[in-house]
């Protein structure tokens, strides 16, 4: 059964239970998907309004991107669980068993791949939140700000789930490359997320 078929109550209960999946990676994907949904909502309240006719075509394009991101992030909830379960089993292989190290290494790389994808997708949600905050309906500005906040939280959460796996890899060159990519995104998007939040906050204070 897909995690996407669970109600919000059941999904949160699954997170709370004493089970390995869903975990932080899947939760991060869900949070980023909610952020992307908020971006789409801003777009839906913008399209069709005369005041925003000059940006309507662009808003429609941005909405298509937001919908695609939301669907991909929702898929990552299941993918993250699928990537972690083999790793969980690999840890149970006797330490003297032939091929254990190779199996464990492969599982670590697979387990890190999905949270890496979530990190990158969540960054794109922040990019879109920036666009929607500036170009979308002023009545929905706070929702664009929330989209950025949710996505930034997801970036940080997914990044932790990358690093918990790279830390244990024996292929240090591979691990370093992945860590460097995560660090670059964290540095870049902390600034972008803060920029969106400040823009929205200041706009609300000014009552523009």
Protein backbone atom coordinates (compact mmCIF):
# COMPACT_ATOMS: atom_id res chain seq x y z
CA UNK A 1 0.00 0.00 0.00
CA UNK A 2 1.32 3.41 -0.98
CA UNK A 3 1.94 5.93 1.76
CA UNK A 4 -0.04 8.33 -0.42
CA UNK A 5 -3.18 6.26 0.18
CA UNK A 6 -3.02 6.87 3.93
CA UNK A 7 -5.06 9.60 5.56
CA UNK A 8 -3.09 12.38 7.22
CA UNK A 9 -4.00 10.89 10.60
CA UNK A 10 -2.79 7.42 9.58
CA UNK A 11 0.40 8.78 8.01
CA UNK A 12 1.24 10.72 11.14
CA UNK A 13 0.54 7.60 13.20
CA UNK A 14 2.87 5.59 10.96
CA UNK A 15 5.56 8.20 11.61
CA UNK A 16 4.94 7.94 15.35
CA UNK A 17 5.04 4.12 15.46
CA UNK A 18 8.12 2.09 16.35
CA UNK A 19 8.93 1.29 12.73
CA UNK A 20 11.77 2.41 10.47
CA UNK A 21 9.58 3.73 7.66
CA UNK A 22 8.19 6.22 7.02
CA UNK A 23 10.82 8.37 8.65
CA UNK A 24 12.44 11.76 8.32
CA UNK A 25 13.01 11.49 4.59
CA UNK A 26 9.40 10.65 3.80
CA UNK A 27 8.16 13.31 6.19
CA UNK A 28 10.41 15.88 4.50
CA UNK A 29 8.99 14.93 1.11
CA UNK A 30 5.45 15.31 2.46
CA UNK A 31 6.19 18.74 3.91
CA UNK A 32 7.75 19.93 0.65
CA UNK A 33 4.74 18.57 -1.27
CA UNK A 34 2.46 20.67 0.95
CA UNK A 35 4.62 23.69 0.17
CA UNK A 36 4.28 23.02 -3.54
CA UNK A 37 0.52 22.67 -3.14
CA UNK A 38 0.42 26.11 -1.52
CA UNK A 39 2.29 27.52 -4.51
CA UNK A 40 -0.37 26.06 -6.79
CA UNK A 41 -3.10 27.56 -4.63
CA UNK A 42 -1.58 31.02 -5.01
CA UNK A 43 -1.61 30.48 -8.75
CA UNK A 44 -5.22 29.35 -8.80
CA UNK A 45 -6.28 32.52 -6.99
CA UNK A 46 -4.28 34.62 -9.45
CA UNK A 47 -5.37 33.21 -12.80
CA UNK A 48 -8.47 34.84 -14.22
CA UNK A 49 -8.05 38.12 -12.37
CA UNK A 50 -7.82 41.21 -14.57
CA UNK A 51 -5.27 42.74 -12.22
CA UNK A 52 -2.82 39.93 -13.05
CA UNK A 53 -3.62 39.47 -16.74
CA UNK A 54 -0.12 40.49 -17.78
CA UNK A 55 1.45 37.62 -15.79
CA UNK A 56 -1.31 35.03 -16.27
CA UNK A 57 0.55 33.03 -18.89
CA UNK A 58 3.62 32.82 -16.69
CA UNK A 59 1.54 31.94 -13.62
CA UNK A 60 -0.08 29.06 -15.51
CA UNK A 61 3.38 27.78 -16.44
CA UNK A 62 4.55 28.08 -12.84
CA UNK A 63 1.46 26.22 -11.63
CA UNK A 64 2.28 23.33 -13.97
CA UNK A 65 5.77 23.19 -12.47
CA UNK A 66 4.35 23.30 -8.94
CA UNK A 67 1.92 20.47 -9.68
CA UNK A 68 4.72 18.37 -11.17
CA UNK A 69 6.94 19.00 -8.14
CA UNK A 70 4.14 18.08 -5.76
CA UNK A 71 3.55 14.76 -7.54
CA UNK A 72 7.25 13.93 -7.65
CA UNK A 73 7.64 14.72 -3.96
CA UNK A 74 4.68 12.54 -3.06
CA UNK A 75 6.27 9.70 -5.03
CA UNK A 76 9.44 10.23 -2.99
CA UNK A 77 7.59 9.28 0.21
CA UNK A 78 7.29 5.70 -1.04
CA UNK A 79 10.67 5.77 -2.74
CA UNK A 80 12.35 6.80 0.49
CA UNK A 81 10.78 3.86 2.33
CA UNK A 82 11.76 1.50 -0.47
CA UNK A 83 15.33 2.79 -0.37
CA UNK A 84 15.71 2.40 3.38
CA UNK A 85 14.26 -1.07 3.90
CA UNK A 86 17.11 -2.92 2.12
CA UNK A 87 19.60 -0.94 4.24
CA UNK A 88 17.76 -1.97 7.38
CA UNK A 89 18.04 -5.61 6.32
CA UNK A 90 21.71 -5.19 5.38
CA UNK A 91 22.56 -4.12 8.90
CA UNK A 92 21.28 -7.52 10.03
CA UNK A 93 23.73 -9.45 7.86
CA UNK A 94 26.41 -11.13 10.04
CA UNK A 95 29.60 -9.09 9.98
CA UNK A 96 31.65 -12.06 8.77
CA UNK A 97 29.26 -12.93 5.94
CA UNK A 98 30.83 -12.81 2.43
CA UNK A 99 29.84 -9.72 0.48
CA UNK A 100 28.34 -7.92 3.48
CA UNK A 101 30.46 -4.79 3.04
CA UNK A 102 29.62 -4.50 -0.65
CA UNK A 103 25.91 -5.00 0.01
CA UNK A 104 25.92 -2.46 2.82
CA UNK A 105 27.73 0.10 0.68
CA UNK A 106 25.24 -0.26 -2.15
CA UNK A 107 22.34 0.06 0.26
CA UNK A 108 23.83 3.19 1.81
CA UNK A 109 24.14 4.81 -1.61
CA UNK A 110 20.60 3.84 -2.55
CA UNK A 111 19.26 5.08 0.78
CA UNK A 112 20.99 8.45 0.30
CA UNK A 113 19.78 8.91 -3.27
CA UNK A 114 16.12 9.63 -2.48
CA UNK A 115 16.69 12.23 0.26
CA UNK A 116 19.15 13.85 -2.14
CA UNK A 117 16.35 14.02 -4.70
CA UNK A 118 13.97 15.41 -2.07
CA UNK A 119 16.53 18.09 -1.17
CA UNK A 120 16.81 19.21 -4.78
CA UNK A 121 13.06 19.14 -5.43
CA UNK A 122 12.35 21.11 -2.25
CA UNK A 123 14.83 23.76 -3.41
CA UNK A 124 12.80 24.13 -6.60
CA UNK A 125 9.69 24.66 -4.48
CA UNK A 126 11.48 27.61 -2.85
CA UNK A 127 12.32 29.02 -6.28
CA UNK A 128 8.66 28.86 -7.25
CA UNK A 129 7.55 30.35 -3.94
CA UNK A 130 9.74 33.35 -4.76
CA UNK A 131 7.97 33.76 -8.09
CA UNK A 132 4.49 33.33 -6.64
CA UNK A 133 5.19 35.75 -3.79
CA UNK A 134 6.24 38.46 -6.22
CA UNK A 135 3.85 37.82 -9.13
CA UNK A 136 0.87 36.08 -7.56
CA UNK A 137 -2.27 37.52 -5.99
CA UNK A 138 -1.45 39.87 -3.15
CA UNK A 139 -4.29 38.27 -1.19
CA UNK A 140 -2.35 35.00 -1.13
CA UNK A 141 1.11 36.38 -0.35
CA UNK A 142 1.24 34.71 3.06
CA UNK A 143 0.63 31.31 1.43
CA UNK A 144 3.62 31.78 -0.86
CA UNK A 145 5.64 32.61 2.26
CA UNK A 146 4.41 29.45 3.95
CA UNK A 147 5.35 27.45 0.86
CA UNK A 148 8.91 28.69 1.17
CA UNK A 149 9.04 27.99 4.92
CA UNK A 150 7.75 24.43 4.45
CA UNK A 151 10.15 23.76 1.59
CA UNK A 152 13.14 25.08 3.54
CA UNK A 153 12.27 22.82 6.46
CA UNK A 154 12.11 19.93 3.99
CA UNK A 155 15.51 20.84 2.53
CA UNK A 156 17.08 20.72 5.97
CA UNK A 157 15.33 17.50 6.94
CA UNK A 158 16.21 15.70 3.72
CA UNK A 159 19.81 16.93 3.97
CA UNK A 160 20.15 15.26 7.35
CA UNK A 161 18.95 12.02 5.80
CA UNK A 162 21.62 12.27 3.12
CA UNK A 163 24.38 12.86 5.61
CA UNK A 164 23.37 10.05 7.99
CA UNK A 165 24.10 7.67 5.10
CA UNK A 166 27.18 9.32 3.57
CA UNK A 167 28.81 9.29 7.00
CA UNK A 168 28.94 5.48 6.91
CA UNK A 169 30.04 4.99 3.30
CA UNK A 170 33.47 3.50 2.65
CA UNK A 171 33.62 5.18 -0.76
CA UNK A 172 34.67 8.51 0.69
CA UNK A 173 35.05 10.22 -2.69
CA UNK A 174 31.42 9.43 -3.52
CA UNK A 175 30.30 10.48 -0.05
CA UNK A 176 32.24 13.75 -0.22
CA UNK A 177 30.73 14.64 -3.59
CA UNK A 178 27.23 14.08 -2.23
CA UNK A 179 27.99 16.00 0.98
CA UNK A 180 29.41 18.90 -1.01
CA UNK A 181 26.27 19.08 -3.15
CA UNK A 182 24.07 19.12 -0.05
CA UNK A 183 26.21 21.81 1.57
CA UNK A 184 25.99 23.98 -1.54
CA UNK A 185 22.20 23.71 -1.62
CA UNK A 186 21.89 24.45 2.09
CA UNK A 187 24.01 27.58 1.76
CA UNK A 188 22.23 28.82 -1.36
CA UNK A 189 18.67 28.11 -0.31
CA UNK A 190 18.93 29.31 3.25
CA UNK A 191 19.46 32.74 1.72
CA UNK A 192 16.69 32.29 -0.84
CA UNK A 193 14.16 31.03 1.70
CA UNK A 194 15.00 33.90 4.04
CA UNK A 195 14.64 36.34 1.15
CA UNK A 196 11.14 35.06 0.34
CA UNK A 197 10.10 35.10 3.99
CA UNK A 198 11.37 38.66 4.50
CA UNK A 199 9.69 39.85 1.32
CA UNK A 200 6.35 38.39 2.40
CA UNK A 201 6.67 39.52 6.00
CA UNK A 202 7.57 43.06 5.04
CA UNK A 203 4.78 43.19 2.47
CA UNK A 204 2.24 42.12 5.07
CA UNK A 205 3.51 44.71 7.53
CA UNK A 206 3.22 47.40 4.87
CA UNK A 207 -0.24 46.12 3.88
CA UNK A 208 0.62 46.38 0.20
